[in-house]
Every structure is written in C-alpha cells, then in structure tokens.
C-alpha cells in the first residue's frame, strides 16, 4: 500500500520524516503547500492513502484519483475542504485527527480574547502610523465567558479563563458537566456573556449557527471569538453588528474565504483582530498531529 502527503509545508514534512518507523507503509512527501485541487490526480499517481493538510478535494476531482481509498485529514474540519459522504460513495474513507491541538487552540482563543478586550492590535497599528492612540479596554476579571460547544478545546479554555478570574458558562448540543463550568441554555448564554467563544464542529446542522437573530440576542458590547470555523457565523450579520457596535470587538482566526482577501470587509474594520487560521500551529501540536497521522496510515495499511 502506497501513500502521499500531498501538501506538506517544510516544518510538517520534517516531522513526518522524523516520525517514520521501520516497517511503516511507504508515504511519499510532496513538499508543495500551495497544491491546487486539479493537481490531486497527478500528485497521487494511483496512491491509496492521501495525507492532506489543507488542500480541497472536490468530489469531481476525487473521481479522477484512481486507487485512492483513504484520506487522512490533518485535523477535524474536513468538511471545509471535502464532502466525506460523497467520498464514501466513491469508496474513499476520510479519517480525522482529534485532540492534537486542544491546548494550542485554547491558548490562541484566550490570546484573541485578551487582545480584543484591550484593543491591542488597533493601538499597535495606530502607533506604527505615528498616532498615540489610547483606548479604554474591557477588564475581564469577574466577567462572564460563554462557550458555545464544549469539547476538549473548550475545556482547556475554561481552565485558563477560570484561573484568570472569569465566570465560565457553556452550552452544548448534548448534555455535559465539567467542574467549574455552569451549563446554561443558549438563550441565557447569549444574553449574559461578556465574551462569546465558538467551539462547534462544522456540519450541516451548525453551518450559520450564529445567525443574525442569535447575534441580535447577544449582550450589547459583547466580544466574539472564533477559532472554530468561519462558516459557523452569518458573516454579513457579524459585520453589521461590528459596525453598529453591538459586537464591541471580534477576534477571528477562521474565515469563510481563506486566505482572507486583502480587500475583504473584515480587514477594513478597526474593531476586529485577525489571525491567519493558525490557532493550532505550535511545535507541540504539530508533533501530536503528525504522530496521529502516522498511526492512521499504519492502521489502514494493516487493514
């Protein structure tokens, strides 16, 4: 059985090579993180396993990938890049990797929250332009953080936020309990939270979950943090709420269009702090990620 890591950046390629063990299935590394979807068939060249970081795999392209049986997606958000159900009909299984970057993403969530509360990015931009801008920030100690969705990442966010003196509430689609976290209705969470952070998986049920109506139900002056998926939010409604001030500030690591175009409306708003879908990118998380990818490859090769 043969595989290809189709779109490895250099740092992931080095880790992938280092973690290979004797007896592992042969997996060739394509060091091209800018692979286009049309290049899939040529790069795979009949391989049965594809390890993929971020390159979309449209179903019509997958039909041309003769021999492909398994896609090992480096993360949990495969639906942003492919349709697992349609691929399954072609006999292609999609394998996800969970939990590898819970702490990394949680720390980025907290960083975006604090940067948003203290308007750090705006002051940095203004000072570089020669302006001595002094903005009042939001003091977060004693404030309420509302977590929408509660898995491993949200649990880490709750741990860090509780340690900084915040009250943590959460809503989850299935009942859960967690020490130090009060689980409440979605309506109460939206109304009470000074900061709302999204931690839902993207699927057909959660796409557009934070709708215009739910944004309107949020506490005026709320801070919104999204390190999950851009499509969870009604983007035009969020932009309108940012312009009106209903949303005080947004800290965003994920977007409907990635890379985010330079002329996108979000780049023009002063009350938005942006990061380039990099919440999970730490050496520790990358090590966990690639180790798990190899385990998938080994398991698949053994049948």
C-alpha atoms as a PDB file:
ATOM      1  CA  UNK A   1       0.000   0.000   0.000  1.00  0.00           C
ATOM      2  CA  UNK A   2       1.358   3.398  -1.015  1.00  0.00           C
ATOM      3  CA  UNK A   3       0.558   6.912   0.170  1.00  0.00           C
ATOM      4  CA  UNK A   4       1.339  10.551  -0.468  1.00  0.00           C
ATOM      5  CA  UNK A   5       1.440  13.539   1.878  1.00  0.00           C
ATOM      6  CA  UNK A   6       0.009  15.785  -0.796  1.00  0.00           C
ATOM      7  CA  UNK A   7       0.603  19.329   0.501  1.00  0.00           C
ATOM      8  CA  UNK A   8       3.312  19.327   3.172  1.00  0.00           C
ATOM      9  CA  UNK A   9       4.908  22.552   4.293  1.00  0.00           C
ATOM     10  CA  UNK A  10       8.541  22.174   5.259  1.00  0.00           C
ATOM     11  CA  UNK A  11       8.005  22.053   9.017  1.00  0.00           C
ATOM     12  CA  UNK A  12       5.374  19.293   8.784  1.00  0.00           C
ATOM     13  CA  UNK A  13       7.477  17.416   6.232  1.00  0.00           C
ATOM     14  CA  UNK A  14      10.454  17.333   8.599  1.00  0.00           C
ATOM     15  CA  UNK A  15       8.328  15.990  11.448  1.00  0.00           C
ATOM     16  CA  UNK A  16       6.691  13.429   9.140  1.00  0.00           C
ATOM     17  CA  UNK A  17      10.092  12.115   8.070  1.00  0.00           C
ATOM     18  CA  UNK A  18      11.406  12.006  11.624  1.00  0.00           C
ATOM     19  CA  UNK A  19       8.430  10.048  12.985  1.00  0.00           C
ATOM     20  CA  UNK A  20       8.525   7.362  10.301  1.00  0.00           C
ATOM     21  CA  UNK A  21       9.339   3.939  11.746  1.00  0.00           C
ATOM     22  CA  UNK A  22      10.782   0.762  10.220  1.00  0.00           C
ATOM     23  CA  UNK A  23       8.032  -1.248   8.583  1.00  0.00           C
ATOM     24  CA  UNK A  24       5.759   1.774   8.031  1.00  0.00           C
ATOM     25  CA  UNK A  25       3.860   1.968   4.739  1.00  0.00           C
ATOM     26  CA  UNK A  26       5.680   3.939   2.067  1.00  0.00           C
ATOM     27  CA  UNK A  27       4.379   7.518   2.059  1.00  0.00           C
ATOM     28  CA  UNK A  28       5.948   9.981  -0.348  1.00  0.00           C
ATOM     29  CA  UNK A  29       6.069  13.630   0.742  1.00  0.00           C
ATOM     30  CA  UNK A  30       5.035  16.279  -1.787  1.00  0.00           C
ATOM     31  CA  UNK A  31       6.606  19.465  -0.459  1.00  0.00           C
ATOM     32  CA  UNK A  32       4.110  21.835  -2.031  1.00  0.00           C
ATOM     33  CA  UNK A  33       1.760  23.541   0.434  1.00  0.00           C
ATOM     34  CA  UNK A  34       0.223  25.507  -2.479  1.00  0.00           C
ATOM     35  CA  UNK A  35      -1.186  22.477  -4.284  1.00  0.00           C
ATOM     36  CA  UNK A  36      -4.310  23.209  -6.329  1.00  0.00           C
ATOM     37  CA  UNK A  37      -7.255  20.794  -6.384  1.00  0.00           C
ATOM     38  CA  UNK A  38      -6.699  19.997 -10.063  1.00  0.00           C
ATOM     39  CA  UNK A  39      -3.246  18.607  -9.210  1.00  0.00           C
ATOM     40  CA  UNK A  40      -4.558  15.837  -6.928  1.00  0.00           C
ATOM     41  CA  UNK A  41      -4.626  13.034  -9.547  1.00  0.00           C
ATOM     42  CA  UNK A  42      -1.120  13.766 -10.791  1.00  0.00           C
ATOM     43  CA  UNK A  43       0.381  14.073  -7.295  1.00  0.00           C
ATOM     44  CA  UNK A  44      -1.290  10.902  -6.028  1.00  0.00           C
ATOM     45  CA  UNK A  45      -0.377   8.895  -9.113  1.00  0.00           C
ATOM     46  CA  UNK A  46      -2.530   5.951  -8.035  1.00  0.00           C
ATOM     47  CA  UNK A  47      -1.700   6.071  -4.310  1.00  0.00           C
ATOM     48  CA  UNK A  48      -4.207   4.517  -1.908  1.00  0.00           C
ATOM     49  CA  UNK A  49      -3.614   6.873   1.043  1.00  0.00           C
ATOM     50  CA  UNK A  50      -3.589  10.673   0.901  1.00  0.00           C
ATOM     51  CA  UNK A  51      -2.421  12.680   3.881  1.00  0.00           C
ATOM     52  CA  UNK A  52      -3.729  16.236   3.453  1.00  0.00           C
ATOM     53  CA  UNK A  53      -3.257  19.417   5.452  1.00  0.00           C
ATOM     54  CA  UNK A  54      -5.496  21.987   3.791  1.00  0.00           C
ATOM     55  CA  UNK A  55      -5.963  21.367   0.039  1.00  0.00           C
ATOM     56  CA  UNK A  56      -9.627  20.994  -1.045  1.00  0.00           C
ATOM     57  CA  UNK A  57     -10.651  17.685  -2.594  1.00  0.00           C
ATOM     58  CA  UNK A  58     -13.815  18.269  -4.635  1.00  0.00           C
ATOM     59  CA  UNK A  59     -15.771  15.110  -5.330  1.00  0.00           C
ATOM     60  CA  UNK A  60     -15.390  15.511  -9.085  1.00  0.00           C
ATOM     61  CA  UNK A  61     -11.602  15.585  -8.640  1.00  0.00           C
ATOM     62  CA  UNK A  62     -11.689  12.566  -6.327  1.00  0.00           C
ATOM     63  CA  UNK A  63     -13.379  10.579  -9.116  1.00  0.00           C
ATOM     64  CA  UNK A  64     -10.191  11.029 -11.135  1.00  0.00           C
ATOM     65  CA  UNK A  65      -7.925   9.802  -8.315  1.00  0.00           C
ATOM     66  CA  UNK A  66      -7.815   6.149  -9.317  1.00  0.00           C
ATOM     67  CA  UNK A  67      -6.676   3.935  -6.481  1.00  0.00           C
ATOM     68  CA  UNK A  68      -7.446   6.407  -3.688  1.00  0.00           C
ATOM     69  CA  UNK A  69      -9.124   4.636  -0.761  1.00  0.00           C
ATOM     70  CA  UNK A  70      -8.217   6.668   2.322  1.00  0.00           C
ATOM     71  CA  UNK A  71      -7.820  10.375   3.117  1.00  0.00           C
ATOM     72  CA  UNK A  72      -6.071  11.203   6.376  1.00  0.00           C
ATOM     73  CA  UNK A  73      -7.090  14.797   7.092  1.00  0.00           C
ATOM     74  CA  UNK A  74      -4.801  16.692   9.447  1.00  0.00           C
ATOM     75  CA  UNK A  75      -7.448  17.970  11.832  1.00  0.00           C
ATOM     76  CA  UNK A  76     -11.182  17.744  12.440  1.00  0.00           C
ATOM     77  CA  UNK A  77     -12.571  20.248   9.921  1.00  0.00           C
ATOM     78  CA  UNK A  78     -12.517  18.103   6.789  1.00  0.00           C
ATOM     79  CA  UNK A  79     -15.965  19.316   5.754  1.00  0.00           C
ATOM     80  CA  UNK A  80     -14.487  22.713   4.956  1.00  0.00           C
ATOM     81  CA  UNK A  81     -12.379  21.025   2.265  1.00  0.00           C
ATOM     82  CA  UNK A  82     -14.310  17.979   1.054  1.00  0.00           C
ATOM     83  CA  UNK A  83     -17.624  16.103   1.315  1.00  0.00           C
ATOM     84  CA  UNK A  84     -16.966  12.917   3.341  1.00  0.00           C
ATOM     85  CA  UNK A  85     -20.336  11.366   2.469  1.00  0.00           C
ATOM     86  CA  UNK A  86     -19.817  11.831  -1.271  1.00  0.00           C
ATOM     87  CA  UNK A  87     -16.284  10.486  -0.995  1.00  0.00           C
ATOM     88  CA  UNK A  88     -17.612   7.452   0.901  1.00  0.00           C
ATOM     89  CA  UNK A  89     -19.885   6.698  -2.056  1.00  0.00           C
ATOM     90  CA  UNK A  90     -16.719   6.542  -4.162  1.00  0.00           C
ATOM     91  CA  UNK A  91     -15.185   4.079  -1.699  1.00  0.00           C
ATOM     92  CA  UNK A  92     -12.917   6.694  -0.104  1.00  0.00           C
ATOM     93  CA  UNK A  93     -12.823   6.860   3.715  1.00  0.00           C
ATOM     94  CA  UNK A  94     -11.949  10.152   5.443  1.00  0.00           C
ATOM     95  CA  UNK A  95     -10.032   9.854   8.726  1.00  0.00           C
ATOM     96  CA  UNK A  96      -9.909  12.786  11.162  1.00  0.00           C
ATOM     97  CA  UNK A  97      -7.461  13.654  13.940  1.00  0.00           C
ATOM     98  CA  UNK A  98      -8.940  14.950  17.186  1.00  0.00           C
ATOM     99  CA  UNK A  99      -7.419  16.416  20.305  1.00  0.00           C
ATOM    100  CA  UNK A 100      -3.935  17.014  18.937  1.00  0.00           C
ATOM    101  CA  UNK A 101      -4.056  20.781  19.410  1.00  0.00           C
ATOM    102  CA  UNK A 102      -6.580  21.363  22.192  1.00  0.00           C
ATOM    103  CA  UNK A 103      -4.161  23.340  24.348  1.00  0.00           C
ATOM    104  CA  UNK A 104      -2.707  25.272  21.397  1.00  0.00           C
ATOM    105  CA  UNK A 105      -6.126  26.367  20.130  1.00  0.00           C
ATOM    106  CA  UNK A 106      -7.318  27.188  23.641  1.00  0.00           C
ATOM    107  CA  UNK A 107      -4.298  29.413  24.264  1.00  0.00           C
ATOM    108  CA  UNK A 108      -4.937  31.217  20.966  1.00  0.00           C
ATOM    109  CA  UNK A 109      -8.585  31.670  21.960  1.00  0.00           C
ATOM    110  CA  UNK A 110      -7.511  33.261  25.230  1.00  0.00           C
ATOM    111  CA  UNK A 111      -4.904  35.407  23.435  1.00  0.00           C
ATOM    112  CA  UNK A 112      -7.511  36.723  20.981  1.00  0.00           C
ATOM    113  CA  UNK A 113      -9.901  37.389  23.868  1.00  0.00           C
ATOM    114  CA  UNK A 114      -7.373  39.453  25.802  1.00  0.00           C
ATOM    115  CA  UNK A 115      -6.126  41.255  22.684  1.00  0.00           C
ATOM    116  CA  UNK A 116      -9.723  42.106  21.774  1.00  0.00           C
ATOM    117  CA  UNK A 117     -10.597  43.257  25.277  1.00  0.00           C
ATOM    118  CA  UNK A 118      -7.584  45.601  25.437  1.00  0.00           C
ATOM    119  CA  UNK A 119      -7.702  46.691  21.748  1.00  0.00           C
ATOM    120  CA  UNK A 120      -4.018  45.833  21.398  1.00  0.00           C
ATOM    121  CA  UNK A 121      -3.950  45.292  17.622  1.00  0.00           C
ATOM    122  CA  UNK A 122      -5.625  48.646  16.943  1.00  0.00           C
ATOM    123  CA  UNK A 123      -3.214  50.545  19.188  1.00  0.00           C
ATOM    124  CA  UNK A 124      -0.279  48.733  17.603  1.00  0.00           C
ATOM    125  CA  UNK A 125      -1.423  49.754  14.099  1.00  0.00           C
ATOM    126  CA  UNK A 126      -2.002  53.356  15.121  1.00  0.00           C
ATOM    127  CA  UNK A 127       1.339  53.691  16.888  1.00  0.00           C
ATOM    128  CA  UNK A 128       3.179  52.329  13.857  1.00  0.00           C
ATOM    129  CA  UNK A 129       1.413  55.030  11.847  1.00  0.00           C
ATOM    130  CA  UNK A 130       2.624  57.723  14.263  1.00  0.00           C
ATOM    131  CA  UNK A 131      -0.592  58.074  16.253  1.00  0.00           C
ATOM    132  CA  UNK A 132      -0.571  57.905  20.070  1.00  0.00           C
ATOM    133  CA  UNK A 133      -3.935  56.167  20.381  1.00  0.00           C
ATOM    134  CA  UNK A 134      -5.081  55.372  23.920  1.00  0.00           C
ATOM    135  CA  UNK A 135      -8.173  53.202  24.144  1.00  0.00           C
ATOM    136  CA  UNK A 136     -10.173  52.075  27.149  1.00  0.00           C
ATOM    137  CA  UNK A 137     -10.179  48.290  27.415  1.00  0.00           C
ATOM    138  CA  UNK A 138     -12.580  45.816  28.974  1.00  0.00           C
ATOM    139  CA  UNK A 139     -11.434  44.338  32.286  1.00  0.00           C
ATOM    140  CA  UNK A 140     -12.148  40.624  32.090  1.00  0.00           C
ATOM    141  CA  UNK A 141     -11.754  39.603  35.721  1.00  0.00           C
ATOM    142  CA  UNK A 142     -15.263  38.930  37.008  1.00  0.00           C
ATOM    143  CA  UNK A 143     -16.785  38.931  33.534  1.00  0.00           C
ATOM    144  CA  UNK A 144     -18.735  36.019  32.019  1.00  0.00           C
ATOM    145  CA  UNK A 145     -17.279  33.893  29.240  1.00  0.00           C
ATOM    146  CA  UNK A 146     -19.811  31.852  27.284  1.00  0.00           C
ATOM    147  CA  UNK A 147     -18.556  28.797  25.393  1.00  0.00           C
ATOM    148  CA  UNK A 148     -20.751  27.538  22.552  1.00  0.00           C
ATOM    149  CA  UNK A 149     -19.850  23.875  22.144  1.00  0.00           C
ATOM    150  CA  UNK A 150     -17.883  22.028  24.777  1.00  0.00           C
ATOM    151  CA  UNK A 151     -15.196  19.558  23.754  1.00  0.00           C
ATOM    152  CA  UNK A 152     -11.503  19.289  24.518  1.00  0.00           C
ATOM    153  CA  UNK A 153     -10.628  22.800  23.315  1.00  0.00           C
ATOM    154  CA  UNK A 154     -13.436  24.456  25.245  1.00  0.00           C
ATOM    155  CA  UNK A 155     -12.444  22.544  28.380  1.00  0.00           C
ATOM    156  CA  UNK A 156      -8.924  23.975  28.090  1.00  0.00           C
ATOM    157  CA  UNK A 157     -10.316  27.481  27.506  1.00  0.00           C
ATOM    158  CA  UNK A 158     -12.469  27.064  30.611  1.00  0.00           C
ATOM    159  CA  UNK A 159      -9.446  26.015  32.663  1.00  0.00           C
ATOM    160  CA  UNK A 160      -7.393  29.044  31.655  1.00  0.00           C
ATOM    161  CA  UNK A 161     -10.258  31.546  31.879  1.00  0.00           C
ATOM    162  CA  UNK A 162     -11.339  30.302  35.311  1.00  0.00           C
ATOM    163  CA  UNK A 163      -7.777  30.722  36.523  1.00  0.00           C
ATOM    164  CA  UNK A 164      -7.851  34.358  35.434  1.00  0.00           C
ATOM    165  CA  UNK A 165     -10.955  35.112  37.456  1.00  0.00           C
ATOM    166  CA  UNK A 166     -13.668  34.809  34.825  1.00  0.00           C
ATOM    167  CA  UNK A 167     -17.039  33.136  35.305  1.00  0.00           C
ATOM    168  CA  UNK A 168     -17.388  30.403  32.699  1.00  0.00           C
ATOM    169  CA  UNK A 169     -20.690  29.204  31.275  1.00  0.00           C
ATOM    170  CA  UNK A 170     -21.267  26.832  28.383  1.00  0.00           C
ATOM    171  CA  UNK A 171     -23.911  25.415  26.088  1.00  0.00           C
ATOM    172  CA  UNK A 172     -23.530  22.105  24.287  1.00  0.00           C
ATOM    173  CA  UNK A 173     -25.802  20.271  21.898  1.00  0.00           C
ATOM    174  CA  UNK A 174     -25.729  17.200  24.167  1.00  0.00           C
ATOM    175  CA  UNK A 175     -25.810  17.330  27.985  1.00  0.00           C
ATOM    176  CA  UNK A 176     -22.425  17.657  29.672  1.00  0.00           C
ATOM    177  CA  UNK A 177     -20.928  18.597  33.006  1.00  0.00           C
ATOM    178  CA  UNK A 178     -17.494  19.945  33.869  1.00  0.00           C
ATOM    179  CA  UNK A 179     -16.017  21.198  37.115  1.00  0.00           C
ATOM    180  CA  UNK A 180     -16.134  24.974  37.396  1.00  0.00           C
ATOM    181  CA  UNK A 181     -18.390  25.419  34.354  1.00  0.00           C
ATOM    182  CA  UNK A 182     -22.100  26.255  34.542  1.00  0.00           C
ATOM    183  CA  UNK A 183     -24.078  24.772  31.655  1.00  0.00           C
ATOM    184  CA  UNK A 184     -26.965  27.015  30.633  1.00  0.00           C
ATOM    185  CA  UNK A 185     -29.451  27.439  27.818  1.00  0.00           C
ATOM    186  CA  UNK A 186     -28.217  29.021  24.621  1.00  0.00           C
ATOM    187  CA  UNK A 187     -30.584  31.944  25.140  1.00  0.00           C
ATOM    188  CA  UNK A 188     -29.167  32.679  28.586  1.00  0.00           C
ATOM    189  CA  UNK A 189     -25.588  32.297  27.398  1.00  0.00           C
ATOM    190  CA  UNK A 190     -26.086  34.807  24.589  1.00  0.00           C
ATOM    191  CA  UNK A 191     -27.842  37.296  26.844  1.00  0.00           C
ATOM    192  CA  UNK A 192     -25.420  37.080  29.786  1.00  0.00           C
ATOM    193  CA  UNK A 193     -21.963  36.623  28.289  1.00  0.00           C
ATOM    194  CA  UNK A 194     -19.493  39.483  28.022  1.00  0.00           C
ATOM    195  CA  UNK A 195     -17.391  37.226  25.782  1.00  0.00           C
ATOM    196  CA  UNK A 196     -18.764  34.507  23.485  1.00  0.00           C
ATOM    197  CA  UNK A 197     -16.369  31.918  22.062  1.00  0.00           C
ATOM    198  CA  UNK A 198     -17.327  29.364  19.403  1.00  0.00           C
ATOM    199  CA  UNK A 199     -16.214  25.730  19.715  1.00  0.00           C
ATOM    200  CA  UNK A 200     -18.597  23.792  17.486  1.00  0.00           C
ATOM    201  CA  UNK A 201     -17.702  21.356  14.726  1.00  0.00           C
ATOM    202  CA  UNK A 202     -18.904  22.484  11.315  1.00  0.00           C
ATOM    203  CA  UNK A 203     -21.582  20.313   9.750  1.00  0.00           C
ATOM    204  CA  UNK A 204     -24.951  20.772   8.061  1.00  0.00           C
ATOM    205  CA  UNK A 205     -26.620  21.429  11.425  1.00  0.00           C
ATOM    206  CA  UNK A 206     -24.130  24.036  12.655  1.00  0.00           C
ATOM    207  CA  UNK A 207     -23.456  25.942   9.429  1.00  0.00           C
ATOM    208  CA  UNK A 208     -24.638  29.512  10.045  1.00  0.00           C
ATOM    209  CA  UNK A 209     -25.345  28.600  13.687  1.00  0.00           C
ATOM    210  CA  UNK A 210     -24.638  32.122  14.951  1.00  0.00           C
ATOM    211  CA  UNK A 211     -27.377  33.663  12.868  1.00  0.00           C
ATOM    212  CA  UNK A 212     -28.473  37.282  12.617  1.00  0.00           C
ATOM    213  CA  UNK A 213     -31.185  36.576  15.188  1.00  0.00           C
ATOM    214  CA  UNK A 214     -28.754  34.991  17.636  1.00  0.00           C
ATOM    215  CA  UNK A 215     -26.249  37.807  17.163  1.00  0.00           C
ATOM    216  CA  UNK A 216     -29.045  40.284  17.968  1.00  0.00           C
ATOM    217  CA  UNK A 217     -29.767  38.288  21.141  1.00  0.00           C
ATOM    218  CA  UNK A 218     -26.208  38.728  22.415  1.00  0.00           C
ATOM    219  CA  UNK A 219     -25.375  41.211  25.164  1.00  0.00           C
ATOM    220  CA  UNK A 220     -24.678  44.668  23.666  1.00  0.00           C
ATOM    221  CA  UNK A 221     -20.923  45.313  23.644  1.00  0.00           C
ATOM    222  CA  UNK A 222     -20.051  41.598  23.567  1.00  0.00           C
ATOM    223  CA  UNK A 223     -16.662  40.332  22.416  1.00  0.00           C
ATOM    224  CA  UNK A 224     -16.919  37.482  19.890  1.00  0.00           C
ATOM    225  CA  UNK A 225     -14.086  34.948  19.464  1.00  0.00           C
ATOM    226  CA  UNK A 226     -13.997  32.321  16.711  1.00  0.00           C
ATOM    227  CA  UNK A 227     -11.181  29.784  16.462  1.00  0.00           C
ATOM    228  CA  UNK A 228     -13.504  27.030  15.184  1.00  0.00           C
ATOM    229  CA  UNK A 229     -14.810  27.601  11.638  1.00  0.00           C
ATOM    230  CA  UNK A 230     -15.829  30.780   9.835  1.00  0.00           C
ATOM    231  CA  UNK A 231     -18.982  29.224   8.370  1.00  0.00           C
ATOM    232  CA  UNK A 232     -20.477  28.826  11.853  1.00  0.00           C
ATOM    233  CA  UNK A 233     -21.286  32.546  11.741  1.00  0.00           C
ATOM    234  CA  UNK A 234     -23.567  34.605   9.499  1.00  0.00           C
ATOM    235  CA  UNK A 235     -20.692  36.786   8.302  1.00  0.00           C
ATOM    236  CA  UNK A 236     -22.721  39.739   6.904  1.00  0.00           C
ATOM    237  CA  UNK A 237     -24.714  39.864  10.159  1.00  0.00           C
ATOM    238  CA  UNK A 238     -21.495  39.831  12.205  1.00  0.00           C
ATOM    239  CA  UNK A 239     -20.046  42.655  10.110  1.00  0.00           C
ATOM    240  CA  UNK A 240     -23.219  44.711  10.575  1.00  0.00           C
ATOM    241  CA  UNK A 241     -23.071  44.126  14.341  1.00  0.00           C
ATOM    242  CA  UNK A 242     -19.406  45.165  14.429  1.00  0.00           C
ATOM    243  CA  UNK A 243     -20.195  48.348  12.505  1.00  0.00           C
ATOM    244  CA  UNK A 244     -23.055  49.219  14.862  1.00  0.00           C
ATOM    245  CA  UNK A 245     -21.033  48.416  17.986  1.00  0.00           C
ATOM    246  CA  UNK A 246     -23.439  45.707  19.123  1.00  0.00           C
ATOM    247  CA  UNK A 247     -20.366  43.483  18.912  1.00  0.00           C
ATOM    248  CA  UNK A 248     -17.647  45.502  20.631  1.00  0.00           C
ATOM    249  CA  UNK A 249     -14.801  43.529  19.084  1.00  0.00           C
ATOM    250  CA  UNK A 250     -14.217  40.242  17.277  1.00  0.00           C
ATOM    251  CA  UNK A 251     -11.103  38.080  17.498  1.00  0.00           C
ATOM    252  CA  UNK A 252     -11.120  35.804  14.461  1.00  0.00           C
ATOM    253  CA  UNK A 253      -8.773  33.018  13.404  1.00  0.00           C
ATOM    254  CA  UNK A 254     -11.095  31.455  10.808  1.00  0.00           C
ATOM    255  CA  UNK A 255     -12.992  32.828   7.821  1.00  0.00           C
ATOM    256  CA  UNK A 256     -15.413  31.848   5.072  1.00  0.00           C
ATOM    257  CA  UNK A 257     -12.710  32.568   2.489  1.00  0.00           C
ATOM    258  CA  UNK A 258      -9.144  31.537   3.266  1.00  0.00           C
ATOM    259  CA  UNK A 259      -6.693  33.110   2.719  1.00  0.00           C
ATOM    260  CA  UNK A 260      -8.680  36.224   3.599  1.00  0.00           C
ATOM    261  CA  UNK A 261      -8.583  38.669   0.643  1.00  0.00           C
ATOM    262  CA  UNK A 262      -6.850  41.987   1.347  1.00  0.00           C
ATOM    263  CA  UNK A 263      -9.985  43.910   0.356  1.00  0.00           C
ATOM    264  CA  UNK A 264     -12.372  41.835   2.498  1.00  0.00           C
ATOM    265  CA  UNK A 265     -14.728  43.967   4.641  1.00  0.00           C
ATOM    266  CA  UNK A 266     -13.294  42.456   7.844  1.00  0.00           C
ATOM    267  CA  UNK A 267      -9.875  43.941   7.036  1.00  0.00           C
ATOM    268  CA  UNK A 268     -11.409  47.417   6.973  1.00  0.00           C
ATOM    269  CA  UNK A 269     -12.986  47.322  10.430  1.00  0.00           C
ATOM    270  CA  UNK A 270     -10.980  48.751  13.338  1.00  0.00           C
ATOM    271  CA  UNK A 271     -12.704  46.581  15.952  1.00  0.00           C
ATOM    272  CA  UNK A 272     -11.520  43.230  14.587  1.00  0.00           C
ATOM    273  CA  UNK A 273      -8.339  41.340  15.479  1.00  0.00           C
ATOM    274  CA  UNK A 274      -7.341  38.837  12.803  1.00  0.00           C
ATOM    275  CA  UNK A 275      -5.052  35.804  12.779  1.00  0.00           C
ATOM    276  CA  UNK A 276      -4.401  33.507   9.806  1.00  0.00           C
ATOM    277  CA  UNK A 277      -6.081  30.216  10.810  1.00  0.00           C
ATOM    278  CA  UNK A 278      -3.042  29.464  12.948  1.00  0.00           C
ATOM    279  CA  UNK A 279      -4.540  28.706  16.366  1.00  0.00           C
ATOM    280  CA  UNK A 280      -3.342  25.104  16.214  1.00  0.00           C
ATOM    281  CA  UNK A 281       0.147  25.874  14.903  1.00  0.00           C
ATOM    282  CA  UNK A 282       2.649  25.185  17.650  1.00  0.00           C
ATOM    283  CA  UNK A 283       5.546  22.700  17.530  1.00  0.00           C
ATOM    284  CA  UNK A 284       3.872  20.623  20.231  1.00  0.00           C
ATOM    285  CA  UNK A 285       0.566  20.416  18.356  1.00  0.00           C
ATOM    286  CA  UNK A 286       2.302  19.643  15.063  1.00  0.00           C
ATOM    287  CA  UNK A 287       4.163  16.778  16.713  1.00  0.00           C
ATOM    288  CA  UNK A 288       0.899  15.352  18.064  1.00  0.00           C
ATOM    289  CA  UNK A 289      -0.787  15.832  14.692  1.00  0.00           C
ATOM    290  CA  UNK A 290       1.798  14.030  12.595  1.00  0.00           C
ATOM    291  CA  UNK A 291       2.174  11.208  15.122  1.00  0.00           C
ATOM    292  CA  UNK A 292      -1.578  10.624  14.871  1.00  0.00           C
ATOM    293  CA  UNK A 293      -1.449  10.788  11.058  1.00  0.00           C
ATOM    294  CA  UNK A 294       1.178   8.035  11.011  1.00  0.00           C
ATOM    295  CA  UNK A 295      -0.991   5.913  13.319  1.00  0.00           C
ATOM    296  CA  UNK A 296      -3.854   6.233  10.821  1.00  0.00           C
ATOM    297  CA  UNK A 297      -1.548   5.224   7.961  1.00  0.00           C
ATOM    298  CA  UNK A 298      -0.254   2.207   9.896  1.00  0.00           C
ATOM    299  CA  UNK A 299      -3.750   1.084  10.863  1.00  0.00           C
ATOM    300  CA  UNK A 300      -5.059   1.450   7.302  1.00  0.00           C
ATOM    301  CA  UNK A 301      -2.073  -0.421   5.858  1.00  0.00           C
ATOM    302  CA  UNK A 302      -2.710  -3.337   8.237  1.00  0.00           C
ATOM    303  CA  UNK A 303      -6.334  -3.498   7.136  1.00  0.00           C
END
